[in-house]
Amino acid sequence: MERDITSGVSDVTRILKAIEQGDPQAADELLPVVYEELRKLAASRMANEAAGQTLQPTALVHEAWLRLVGKDTPKFANRAHFFAAAAEAMRRILIDNARRKRALRRGGGQQRVDLEKVDIASPSEDDQLLGVNEALDKLAAQSKSEADLVKLRYFVGMTMDEAAEALGISARTADNYWAHARAWLFHELKAQKN
């Protein structure tokens, strides 16, 4: 199994170098190599979404891929940079989706409702996701490394070891970043509620 992982890492690195050197076919080679890993990450992330989520892991991967490669030839310094960019793309897709659904709830599809017959709902998963996103933007202004780790863990669903490897940091450093980021985000999200 270790040999397969090493082979996959070297393939990604080789393809990324070819992309950087302007090889037009290299971007087409990259998707099959990273697709399964991105799909697993998306499936892991989507498992944490609220019931009734309309976005599927495959659609999330495809949309993220389109955002990553777009019309231009993508430039990624290394595997860590690629997966950080993928995490950011997935985060933005999930946030855009939450904002769209929130806008619809707040009057986009207006319909008269008798409030006497409606129970007041608690904040939705979309509101929580948007709150985390806002707090994460503030954290990124203070510590980009910690924010990147949170993106990989929260929005992509990577394990601590996977995120540390993707960011090119030690597991111990990742643990330290995670502990600080969690405490900081806890206080920030608590302040948002007040």
N, C-alpha and C. Protein backbone atom coordinates (compact mmCIF):
# COMPACT_ATOMS: atom_id res chain seq x y z
N MET A 1 0.83 -1.20 0.00
CA MET A 1 0.00 0.00 0.00
C MET A 1 0.87 1.25 0.00
N GLU A 2 1.94 1.25 0.81
CA GLU A 2 2.84 2.40 0.88
C GLU A 2 3.44 2.70 -0.47
N ARG A 3 3.73 1.66 -1.24
CA ARG A 3 4.31 1.85 -2.56
C ARG A 3 3.34 2.57 -3.50
N ASP A 4 2.05 2.23 -3.39
CA ASP A 4 1.04 2.89 -4.22
C ASP A 4 0.93 4.38 -3.89
N ILE A 5 0.98 4.70 -2.60
CA ILE A 5 0.89 6.10 -2.18
C ILE A 5 2.08 6.87 -2.71
N THR A 6 3.28 6.30 -2.55
CA THR A 6 4.48 6.96 -3.03
C THR A 6 4.43 7.13 -4.54
N SER A 7 3.95 6.12 -5.23
CA SER A 7 3.82 6.20 -6.68
C SER A 7 2.84 7.31 -7.07
N GLY A 8 1.70 7.39 -6.36
CA GLY A 8 0.71 8.43 -6.63
C GLY A 8 1.26 9.82 -6.38
N VAL A 9 2.03 9.97 -5.30
CA VAL A 9 2.63 11.27 -4.97
C VAL A 9 3.61 11.67 -6.04
N SER A 10 4.46 10.72 -6.50
CA SER A 10 5.45 11.07 -7.52
C SER A 10 4.77 11.36 -8.85
N ASP A 11 3.67 10.66 -9.16
CA ASP A 11 2.92 10.96 -10.40
C ASP A 11 2.35 12.36 -10.35
N VAL A 12 1.76 12.73 -9.22
CA VAL A 12 1.19 14.08 -9.08
C VAL A 12 2.29 15.11 -9.24
N THR A 13 3.41 14.90 -8.57
CA THR A 13 4.53 15.84 -8.65
C THR A 13 5.03 15.96 -10.08
N ARG A 14 5.18 14.84 -10.76
CA ARG A 14 5.66 14.85 -12.15
C ARG A 14 4.69 15.60 -13.05
N ILE A 15 3.40 15.34 -12.90
CA ILE A 15 2.40 15.99 -13.73
C ILE A 15 2.35 17.49 -13.44
N LEU A 16 2.45 17.85 -12.16
CA LEU A 16 2.43 19.27 -11.80
C LEU A 16 3.63 20.01 -12.41
N LYS A 17 4.77 19.35 -12.43
CA LYS A 17 5.96 19.97 -13.06
C LYS A 17 5.73 20.14 -14.57
N ALA A 18 5.11 19.15 -15.18
CA ALA A 18 4.82 19.23 -16.62
C ALA A 18 3.84 20.37 -16.90
N ILE A 19 2.85 20.53 -16.04
CA ILE A 19 1.90 21.63 -16.19
C ILE A 19 2.62 22.96 -16.09
N GLU A 20 3.49 23.06 -15.10
CA GLU A 20 4.24 24.30 -14.89
C GLU A 20 5.12 24.63 -16.10
N GLN A 21 5.62 23.59 -16.77
CA GLN A 21 6.47 23.80 -17.94
C GLN A 21 5.66 24.02 -19.21
N GLY A 22 4.33 24.03 -19.09
CA GLY A 22 3.48 24.38 -20.22
C GLY A 22 3.00 23.21 -21.05
N ASP A 23 3.13 21.98 -20.56
CA ASP A 23 2.65 20.81 -21.30
C ASP A 23 1.12 20.84 -21.34
N PRO A 24 0.51 21.00 -22.52
CA PRO A 24 -0.95 21.13 -22.60
C PRO A 24 -1.72 19.86 -22.21
N GLN A 25 -1.12 18.68 -22.34
CA GLN A 25 -1.81 17.44 -21.99
C GLN A 25 -1.69 17.10 -20.51
N ALA A 26 -0.78 17.76 -19.80
CA ALA A 26 -0.53 17.40 -18.41
C ALA A 26 -1.76 17.61 -17.53
N ALA A 27 -2.51 18.67 -17.73
CA ALA A 27 -3.71 18.91 -16.91
C ALA A 27 -4.72 17.78 -17.10
N ASP A 28 -4.81 17.25 -18.33
CA ASP A 28 -5.72 16.13 -18.56
C ASP A 28 -5.24 14.87 -17.85
N GLU A 29 -3.93 14.71 -17.68
CA GLU A 29 -3.37 13.55 -16.97
C GLU A 29 -3.61 13.65 -15.47
N LEU A 30 -3.69 14.88 -14.95
CA LEU A 30 -3.78 15.07 -13.51
C LEU A 30 -5.09 14.55 -12.93
N LEU A 31 -6.21 14.81 -13.58
CA LEU A 31 -7.51 14.43 -13.03
C LEU A 31 -7.60 12.94 -12.70
N PRO A 32 -7.26 12.03 -13.63
CA PRO A 32 -7.39 10.61 -13.28
C PRO A 32 -6.51 10.21 -12.09
N VAL A 33 -5.37 10.87 -11.94
CA VAL A 33 -4.45 10.51 -10.85
C VAL A 33 -5.00 10.97 -9.49
N VAL A 34 -5.62 12.14 -9.44
CA VAL A 34 -6.08 12.69 -8.16
C VAL A 34 -7.58 12.53 -7.93
N TYR A 35 -8.31 12.07 -8.94
CA TYR A 35 -9.77 12.02 -8.84
C TYR A 35 -10.26 11.22 -7.65
N GLU A 36 -9.75 10.02 -7.48
CA GLU A 36 -10.24 9.17 -6.39
C GLU A 36 -9.96 9.80 -5.03
N GLU A 37 -8.77 10.40 -4.89
CA GLU A 37 -8.45 11.04 -3.62
C GLU A 37 -9.38 12.22 -3.36
N LEU A 38 -9.62 13.03 -4.39
CA LEU A 38 -10.55 14.16 -4.25
C LEU A 38 -11.96 13.66 -3.96
N ARG A 39 -12.36 12.60 -4.60
CA ARG A 39 -13.70 12.03 -4.41
C ARG A 39 -13.87 11.54 -2.97
N LYS A 40 -12.85 10.88 -2.43
CA LYS A 40 -12.91 10.41 -1.04
C LYS A 40 -13.01 11.59 -0.08
N LEU A 41 -12.21 12.62 -0.35
CA LEU A 41 -12.24 13.81 0.50
C LEU A 41 -13.61 14.48 0.44
N ALA A 42 -14.17 14.59 -0.76
CA ALA A 42 -15.49 15.21 -0.92
C ALA A 42 -16.57 14.37 -0.24
N ALA A 43 -16.50 13.06 -0.38
CA ALA A 43 -17.48 12.18 0.26
C ALA A 43 -17.40 12.30 1.77
N SER A 44 -16.19 12.38 2.28
CA SER A 44 -16.00 12.55 3.72
C SER A 44 -16.60 13.87 4.18
N ARG A 45 -16.37 14.92 3.44
CA ARG A 45 -16.90 16.24 3.80
C ARG A 45 -18.41 16.26 3.69
N MET A 46 -18.96 15.68 2.65
CA MET A 46 -20.40 15.71 2.44
C MET A 46 -21.14 14.86 3.47
N ALA A 47 -20.47 13.87 4.05
CA ALA A 47 -21.10 13.06 5.09
C ALA A 47 -21.42 13.91 6.31
N ASN A 48 -20.72 15.03 6.49
CA ASN A 48 -20.95 15.92 7.63
C ASN A 48 -21.99 16.99 7.35
N GLU A 49 -22.50 17.03 6.13
CA GLU A 49 -23.48 18.05 5.77
C GLU A 49 -24.86 17.69 6.30
N ALA A 50 -25.71 18.67 6.38
CA ALA A 50 -27.07 18.47 6.88
C ALA A 50 -27.87 17.57 5.94
N ALA A 51 -28.86 16.91 6.50
CA ALA A 51 -29.75 16.08 5.69
C ALA A 51 -30.44 16.98 4.67
N GLY A 52 -30.69 16.43 3.50
CA GLY A 52 -31.35 17.22 2.46
C GLY A 52 -30.37 17.99 1.59
N GLN A 53 -29.09 17.78 1.81
CA GLN A 53 -28.07 18.46 0.99
C GLN A 53 -28.22 17.99 -0.45
N THR A 54 -28.30 18.93 -1.36
CA THR A 54 -28.51 18.59 -2.77
C THR A 54 -27.21 18.38 -3.51
N LEU A 55 -26.13 18.88 -2.98
CA LEU A 55 -24.82 18.76 -3.63
C LEU A 55 -24.23 17.39 -3.30
N GLN A 56 -23.84 16.64 -4.32
CA GLN A 56 -23.28 15.31 -4.14
C GLN A 56 -21.75 15.38 -4.23
N PRO A 57 -21.03 14.42 -3.63
CA PRO A 57 -19.56 14.44 -3.67
C PRO A 57 -18.99 14.50 -5.09
N THR A 58 -19.57 13.75 -6.00
CA THR A 58 -19.07 13.76 -7.38
C THR A 58 -19.22 15.15 -7.99
N ALA A 59 -20.37 15.77 -7.75
CA ALA A 59 -20.59 17.12 -8.28
C ALA A 59 -19.62 18.10 -7.63
N LEU A 60 -19.35 17.93 -6.35
CA LEU A 60 -18.40 18.80 -5.65
C LEU A 60 -17.01 18.67 -6.26
N VAL A 61 -16.57 17.46 -6.53
CA VAL A 61 -15.25 17.23 -7.14
C VAL A 61 -15.22 17.85 -8.54
N HIS A 62 -16.24 17.63 -9.33
CA HIS A 62 -16.26 18.15 -10.70
C HIS A 62 -16.24 19.68 -10.71
N GLU A 63 -17.05 20.27 -9.84
CA GLU A 63 -17.09 21.74 -9.77
C GLU A 63 -15.74 22.28 -9.29
N ALA A 64 -15.16 21.63 -8.29
CA ALA A 64 -13.84 22.05 -7.79
C ALA A 64 -12.80 21.92 -8.90
N TRP A 65 -12.86 20.84 -9.64
CA TRP A 65 -11.90 20.64 -10.74
C TRP A 65 -12.03 21.75 -11.78
N LEU A 66 -13.25 22.07 -12.13
CA LEU A 66 -13.47 23.15 -13.12
C LEU A 66 -12.93 24.48 -12.60
N ARG A 67 -13.09 24.72 -11.32
CA ARG A 67 -12.55 25.96 -10.75
C ARG A 67 -11.03 25.94 -10.70
N LEU A 68 -10.47 24.77 -10.49
CA LEU A 68 -9.01 24.66 -10.40
C LEU A 68 -8.33 24.85 -11.75
N VAL A 69 -8.86 24.21 -12.77
CA VAL A 69 -8.20 24.28 -14.08
C VAL A 69 -8.77 25.37 -14.96
N GLY A 70 -10.07 25.64 -14.83
CA GLY A 70 -10.70 26.72 -15.57
C GLY A 70 -10.27 26.80 -17.02
N LYS A 71 -10.18 28.01 -17.51
CA LYS A 71 -9.78 28.23 -18.91
C LYS A 71 -8.27 28.34 -19.04
N ASP A 72 -7.60 28.67 -17.94
CA ASP A 72 -6.16 28.85 -17.97
C ASP A 72 -5.46 27.57 -17.57
N THR A 73 -4.19 27.47 -17.94
CA THR A 73 -3.38 26.35 -17.49
C THR A 73 -3.06 26.59 -16.02
N PRO A 74 -3.45 25.66 -15.15
CA PRO A 74 -3.23 25.86 -13.73
C PRO A 74 -1.74 25.80 -13.39
N LYS A 75 -1.36 26.50 -12.33
CA LYS A 75 0.03 26.47 -11.86
C LYS A 75 0.02 26.09 -10.39
N PHE A 76 0.57 24.94 -10.11
CA PHE A 76 0.67 24.46 -8.74
C PHE A 76 2.13 24.16 -8.47
N ALA A 77 2.64 24.67 -7.37
CA ALA A 77 4.05 24.50 -7.03
C ALA A 77 4.37 23.05 -6.70
N ASN A 78 3.43 22.38 -6.04
CA ASN A 78 3.67 21.00 -5.62
C ASN A 78 2.34 20.37 -5.22
N ARG A 79 2.41 19.16 -4.73
CA ARG A 79 1.22 18.41 -4.33
C ARG A 79 0.46 19.15 -3.23
N ALA A 80 1.19 19.67 -2.24
CA ALA A 80 0.57 20.40 -1.13
C ALA A 80 -0.21 21.61 -1.66
N HIS A 81 0.40 22.33 -2.59
CA HIS A 81 -0.25 23.50 -3.17
C HIS A 81 -1.52 23.08 -3.91
N PHE A 82 -1.45 21.99 -4.65
CA PHE A 82 -2.62 21.51 -5.39
C PHE A 82 -3.77 21.18 -4.44
N PHE A 83 -3.49 20.41 -3.37
CA PHE A 83 -4.56 20.02 -2.47
C PHE A 83 -5.06 21.19 -1.63
N ALA A 84 -4.20 22.14 -1.34
CA ALA A 84 -4.67 23.36 -0.66
C ALA A 84 -5.61 24.13 -1.58
N ALA A 85 -5.27 24.20 -2.86
CA ALA A 85 -6.15 24.87 -3.83
C ALA A 85 -7.46 24.11 -3.99
N ALA A 86 -7.40 22.78 -3.97
CA ALA A 86 -8.62 21.97 -4.06
C ALA A 86 -9.50 22.19 -2.84
N ALA A 87 -8.88 22.27 -1.67
CA ALA A 87 -9.64 22.52 -0.44
C ALA A 87 -10.32 23.88 -0.50
N GLU A 88 -9.60 24.88 -0.97
CA GLU A 88 -10.17 26.22 -1.10
C GLU A 88 -11.32 26.23 -2.10
N ALA A 89 -11.15 25.52 -3.21
CA ALA A 89 -12.23 25.46 -4.21
C ALA A 89 -13.47 24.79 -3.63
N MET A 90 -13.28 23.68 -2.90
CA MET A 90 -14.42 22.99 -2.29
C MET A 90 -15.08 23.88 -1.25
N ARG A 91 -14.28 24.58 -0.47
CA ARG A 91 -14.82 25.49 0.55
C ARG A 91 -15.70 26.55 -0.12
N ARG A 92 -15.19 27.15 -1.17
CA ARG A 92 -15.95 28.21 -1.84
C ARG A 92 -17.25 27.68 -2.45
N ILE A 93 -17.21 26.48 -2.97
CA ILE A 93 -18.42 25.88 -3.54
C ILE A 93 -19.46 25.65 -2.44
N LEU A 94 -19.02 25.09 -1.32
CA LEU A 94 -19.94 24.83 -0.21
C LEU A 94 -20.50 26.14 0.35
N ILE A 95 -19.66 27.16 0.44
CA ILE A 95 -20.12 28.46 0.94
C ILE A 95 -21.10 29.09 -0.04
N ASP A 96 -20.77 29.06 -1.33
CA ASP A 96 -21.69 29.61 -2.34
C ASP A 96 -23.04 28.89 -2.28
N ASN A 97 -23.00 27.58 -2.12
CA ASN A 97 -24.22 26.78 -2.04
C ASN A 97 -25.03 27.18 -0.80
N ALA A 98 -24.35 27.34 0.35
CA ALA A 98 -25.03 27.73 1.58
C ALA A 98 -25.63 29.13 1.46
N ARG A 99 -24.89 30.04 0.84
CA ARG A 99 -25.40 31.41 0.66
C ARG A 99 -26.62 31.42 -0.25
N ARG A 100 -26.57 30.63 -1.30
CA ARG A 100 -27.70 30.56 -2.23
C ARG A 100 -28.94 30.03 -1.52
N LYS A 101 -28.77 28.96 -0.74
CA LYS A 101 -29.92 28.39 -0.01
C LYS A 101 -30.42 29.36 1.06
N ARG A 102 -29.51 30.06 1.70
CA ARG A 102 -29.89 31.03 2.73
C ARG A 102 -30.69 32.18 2.10
N ALA A 103 -30.26 32.63 0.93
CA ALA A 103 -30.96 33.71 0.25
C ALA A 103 -32.38 33.28 -0.11
N LEU A 104 -32.52 32.03 -0.53
CA LEU A 104 -33.86 31.51 -0.86
C LEU A 104 -34.73 31.46 0.39
N ARG A 105 -34.14 31.06 1.53
CA ARG A 105 -34.90 30.99 2.78
C ARG A 105 -35.32 32.37 3.25
N ARG A 106 -34.52 33.35 2.94
CA ARG A 106 -34.79 34.70 3.44
C ARG A 106 -35.54 35.56 2.44
N GLY A 107 -36.30 34.94 1.58
CA GLY A 107 -37.17 35.73 0.74
C GLY A 107 -37.01 35.51 -0.75
N GLY A 108 -36.08 34.66 -1.16
CA GLY A 108 -35.87 34.43 -2.58
C GLY A 108 -37.09 33.82 -3.26
N GLY A 109 -37.75 32.90 -2.59
CA GLY A 109 -38.96 32.28 -3.14
C GLY A 109 -40.12 32.63 -2.23
N GLN A 110 -40.45 33.89 -2.14
CA GLN A 110 -41.42 34.39 -1.18
C GLN A 110 -42.78 33.72 -1.33
N GLN A 111 -43.33 33.41 -0.17
CA GLN A 111 -44.63 32.80 -0.12
C GLN A 111 -45.23 33.18 1.23
N ARG A 112 -46.48 33.55 1.25
CA ARG A 112 -47.11 33.98 2.49
C ARG A 112 -47.34 32.77 3.39
N VAL A 113 -46.94 32.93 4.67
CA VAL A 113 -47.08 31.85 5.63
C VAL A 113 -47.70 32.42 6.90
N ASP A 114 -48.63 31.69 7.48
CA ASP A 114 -49.23 32.10 8.74
C ASP A 114 -48.28 31.71 9.87
N LEU A 115 -47.68 32.70 10.51
CA LEU A 115 -46.68 32.45 11.54
C LEU A 115 -47.25 31.80 12.79
N GLU A 116 -48.54 31.89 12.98
CA GLU A 116 -49.16 31.26 14.14
C GLU A 116 -49.02 29.74 14.07
N LYS A 117 -48.90 29.21 12.87
CA LYS A 117 -48.87 27.76 12.68
C LYS A 117 -47.45 27.22 12.45
N VAL A 118 -46.43 28.06 12.54
CA VAL A 118 -45.07 27.65 12.22
C VAL A 118 -44.22 27.65 13.48
N ASP A 119 -43.50 26.56 13.69
CA ASP A 119 -42.52 26.51 14.78
C ASP A 119 -41.28 27.27 14.35
N ILE A 120 -40.66 27.97 15.28
CA ILE A 120 -39.44 28.70 14.96
C ILE A 120 -38.30 27.70 14.95
N ALA A 121 -37.56 27.69 13.88
CA ALA A 121 -36.46 26.73 13.71
C ALA A 121 -35.18 27.28 14.31
N SER A 122 -34.32 26.38 14.69
CA SER A 122 -32.99 26.78 15.16
C SER A 122 -32.12 27.10 13.96
N PRO A 123 -30.98 27.74 14.18
CA PRO A 123 -30.11 28.06 13.04
C PRO A 123 -29.77 26.80 12.25
N SER A 124 -29.73 26.96 10.95
CA SER A 124 -29.49 25.80 10.08
C SER A 124 -28.01 25.50 9.95
N GLU A 125 -27.73 24.36 9.35
CA GLU A 125 -26.35 23.98 9.07
C GLU A 125 -25.69 25.00 8.15
N ASP A 126 -26.46 25.58 7.23
CA ASP A 126 -25.92 26.58 6.31
C ASP A 126 -25.45 27.80 7.08
N ASP A 127 -26.23 28.23 8.09
CA ASP A 127 -25.83 29.37 8.90
C ASP A 127 -24.54 29.06 9.65
N GLN A 128 -24.43 27.85 10.16
CA GLN A 128 -23.22 27.45 10.87
C GLN A 128 -22.03 27.45 9.91
N LEU A 129 -22.21 26.92 8.72
CA LEU A 129 -21.15 26.88 7.72
C LEU A 129 -20.69 28.29 7.35
N LEU A 130 -21.64 29.19 7.19
CA LEU A 130 -21.29 30.58 6.86
C LEU A 130 -20.58 31.25 8.03
N GLY A 131 -20.98 30.95 9.24
CA GLY A 131 -20.30 31.49 10.42
C GLY A 131 -18.87 31.00 10.51
N VAL A 132 -18.67 29.71 10.27
CA VAL A 132 -17.31 29.16 10.27
C VAL A 132 -16.47 29.80 9.17
N ASN A 133 -17.06 29.99 8.00
CA ASN A 133 -16.35 30.62 6.89
C ASN A 133 -15.91 32.03 7.26
N GLU A 134 -16.81 32.81 7.86
CA GLU A 134 -16.48 34.18 8.25
C GLU A 134 -15.35 34.19 9.29
N ALA A 135 -15.46 33.31 10.28
CA ALA A 135 -14.42 33.23 11.31
C ALA A 135 -13.09 32.77 10.70
N LEU A 136 -13.17 31.85 9.75
CA LEU A 136 -11.96 31.34 9.11
C LEU A 136 -11.24 32.42 8.32
N ASP A 137 -12.01 33.30 7.69
CA ASP A 137 -11.39 34.43 6.98
C ASP A 137 -10.61 35.32 7.96
N LYS A 138 -11.17 35.53 9.15
CA LYS A 138 -10.48 36.33 10.17
C LYS A 138 -9.23 35.61 10.66
N LEU A 139 -9.32 34.30 10.84
CA LEU A 139 -8.16 33.53 11.27
C LEU A 139 -7.06 33.58 10.22
N ALA A 140 -7.43 33.51 8.95
CA ALA A 140 -6.44 33.54 7.87
C ALA A 140 -5.64 34.84 7.87
N ALA A 141 -6.28 35.93 8.28
CA ALA A 141 -5.57 37.21 8.36
C ALA A 141 -4.50 37.18 9.45
N GLN A 142 -4.71 36.35 10.46
CA GLN A 142 -3.74 36.24 11.55
C GLN A 142 -2.73 35.12 11.34
N SER A 143 -3.22 33.99 10.83
CA SER A 143 -2.35 32.83 10.65
C SER A 143 -2.84 32.01 9.46
N LYS A 144 -2.26 32.26 8.30
CA LYS A 144 -2.66 31.56 7.08
C LYS A 144 -2.45 30.06 7.22
N SER A 145 -1.36 29.66 7.86
CA SER A 145 -1.06 28.22 8.01
C SER A 145 -2.14 27.51 8.81
N GLU A 146 -2.57 28.12 9.90
CA GLU A 146 -3.62 27.51 10.71
C GLU A 146 -4.94 27.47 9.93
N ALA A 147 -5.24 28.54 9.21
CA ALA A 147 -6.47 28.58 8.42
C ALA A 147 -6.44 27.50 7.32
N ASP A 148 -5.30 27.32 6.69
CA ASP A 148 -5.18 26.28 5.66
C ASP A 148 -5.42 24.90 6.25
N LEU A 149 -4.90 24.67 7.44
CA LEU A 149 -5.11 23.38 8.11
C LEU A 149 -6.60 23.18 8.39
N VAL A 150 -7.27 24.20 8.90
CA VAL A 150 -8.69 24.10 9.19
C VAL A 150 -9.48 23.83 7.91
N LYS A 151 -9.13 24.49 6.82
CA LYS A 151 -9.83 24.27 5.54
C LYS A 151 -9.73 22.81 5.13
N LEU A 152 -8.52 22.26 5.22
CA LEU A 152 -8.34 20.86 4.83
C LEU A 152 -9.11 19.92 5.74
N ARG A 153 -9.14 20.21 7.04
CA ARG A 153 -9.84 19.33 7.98
C ARG A 153 -11.35 19.52 7.91
N TYR A 154 -11.82 20.77 7.96
CA TYR A 154 -13.25 21.05 8.07
C TYR A 154 -13.98 20.98 6.74
N PHE A 155 -13.41 21.60 5.71
CA PHE A 155 -14.12 21.68 4.44
C PHE A 155 -13.84 20.50 3.52
N VAL A 156 -12.70 19.85 3.68
CA VAL A 156 -12.38 18.72 2.81
C VAL A 156 -12.51 17.40 3.55
N GLY A 157 -12.34 17.42 4.88
CA GLY A 157 -12.50 16.21 5.66
C GLY A 157 -11.25 15.37 5.79
N MET A 158 -10.08 15.98 5.57
CA MET A 158 -8.83 15.23 5.70
C MET A 158 -8.57 14.91 7.17
N THR A 159 -7.87 13.81 7.40
CA THR A 159 -7.40 13.49 8.74
C THR A 159 -6.24 14.44 9.06
N MET A 160 -5.82 14.45 10.31
CA MET A 160 -4.71 15.31 10.71
C MET A 160 -3.44 14.94 9.94
N ASP A 161 -3.17 13.64 9.81
CA ASP A 161 -1.97 13.20 9.09
C ASP A 161 -2.04 13.59 7.61
N GLU A 162 -3.20 13.41 6.99
CA GLU A 162 -3.35 13.78 5.58
C GLU A 162 -3.15 15.28 5.38
N ALA A 163 -3.73 16.07 6.28
CA ALA A 163 -3.60 17.53 6.16
C ALA A 163 -2.15 17.96 6.38
N ALA A 164 -1.48 17.36 7.36
CA ALA A 164 -0.08 17.69 7.62
C ALA A 164 0.77 17.37 6.39
N GLU A 165 0.52 16.21 5.80
CA GLU A 165 1.27 15.82 4.62
C GLU A 165 0.99 16.77 3.45
N ALA A 166 -0.27 17.11 3.26
CA ALA A 166 -0.64 18.01 2.16
C ALA A 166 -0.01 19.39 2.33
N LEU A 167 0.12 19.84 3.58
CA LEU A 167 0.70 21.16 3.84
C LEU A 167 2.22 21.12 3.97
N GLY A 168 2.79 19.90 4.02
CA GLY A 168 4.24 19.77 4.14
C GLY A 168 4.75 20.17 5.51
N ILE A 169 3.95 19.88 6.55
CA ILE A 169 4.36 20.18 7.92
C ILE A 169 4.35 18.89 8.73
N SER A 170 5.01 18.91 9.88
CA SER A 170 5.04 17.71 10.72
C SER A 170 3.69 17.52 11.39
N ALA A 171 3.44 16.30 11.82
CA ALA A 171 2.18 15.99 12.52
C ALA A 171 2.11 16.78 13.82
N ARG A 172 3.24 16.96 14.48
CA ARG A 172 3.26 17.71 15.74
C ARG A 172 2.89 19.18 15.51
N THR A 173 3.45 19.77 14.46
CA THR A 173 3.11 21.15 14.12
C THR A 173 1.63 21.25 13.77
N ALA A 174 1.12 20.29 13.02
CA ALA A 174 -0.30 20.28 12.67
C ALA A 174 -1.16 20.21 13.93
N ASP A 175 -0.77 19.36 14.88
CA ASP A 175 -1.51 19.26 16.14
C ASP A 175 -1.53 20.60 16.88
N ASN A 176 -0.38 21.27 16.91
CA ASN A 176 -0.30 22.58 17.57
C ASN A 176 -1.18 23.61 16.86
N TYR A 177 -1.08 23.66 15.53
CA TYR A 177 -1.92 24.58 14.76
C TYR A 177 -3.40 24.31 15.02
N TRP A 178 -3.77 23.02 15.01
CA TRP A 178 -5.16 22.63 15.17
C TRP A 178 -5.68 23.04 16.55
N ALA A 179 -4.89 22.80 17.59
CA ALA A 179 -5.31 23.16 18.94
C ALA A 179 -5.55 24.67 19.05
N HIS A 180 -4.63 25.46 18.53
CA HIS A 180 -4.78 26.90 18.60
C HIS A 180 -5.97 27.36 17.76
N ALA A 181 -6.07 26.86 16.53
CA ALA A 181 -7.14 27.28 15.63
C ALA A 181 -8.51 26.92 16.20
N ARG A 182 -8.64 25.75 16.78
CA ARG A 182 -9.93 25.34 17.36
C ARG A 182 -10.34 26.27 18.50
N ALA A 183 -9.38 26.59 19.38
CA ALA A 183 -9.68 27.49 20.50
C ALA A 183 -10.06 28.88 19.98
N TRP A 184 -9.29 29.36 19.01
CA TRP A 184 -9.55 30.69 18.46
C TRP A 184 -10.92 30.73 17.78
N LEU A 185 -11.21 29.71 16.98
CA LEU A 185 -12.50 29.66 16.27
C LEU A 185 -13.67 29.51 17.24
N PHE A 186 -13.48 28.75 18.31
CA PHE A 186 -14.53 28.60 19.31
C PHE A 186 -14.92 29.96 19.88
N HIS A 187 -13.91 30.74 20.27
CA HIS A 187 -14.19 32.06 20.83
C HIS A 187 -14.79 33.01 19.79
N GLU A 188 -14.32 32.92 18.56
CA GLU A 188 -14.85 33.78 17.50
C GLU A 188 -16.30 33.43 17.18
N LEU A 189 -16.63 32.15 17.11
CA LEU A 189 -18.01 31.74 16.81
C LEU A 189 -18.94 32.08 17.97
N LYS A 190 -18.43 31.97 19.18
CA LYS A 190 -19.22 32.35 20.35
C LYS A 190 -19.52 33.84 20.32
N ALA A 191 -18.53 34.64 19.93
CA ALA A 191 -18.73 36.10 19.83
C ALA A 191 -19.73 36.45 18.73
N GLN A 192 -19.76 35.66 17.65
CA GLN A 192 -20.71 35.90 16.56
C GLN A 192 -22.15 35.73 17.04
N LYS A 193 -22.38 34.80 17.95
CA LYS A 193 -23.74 34.52 18.43
C LYS A 193 -24.25 35.64 19.32
N ASN A 194 -23.33 36.32 19.99
CA ASN A 194 -23.73 37.38 20.94
C ASN A 194 -23.97 38.69 20.27
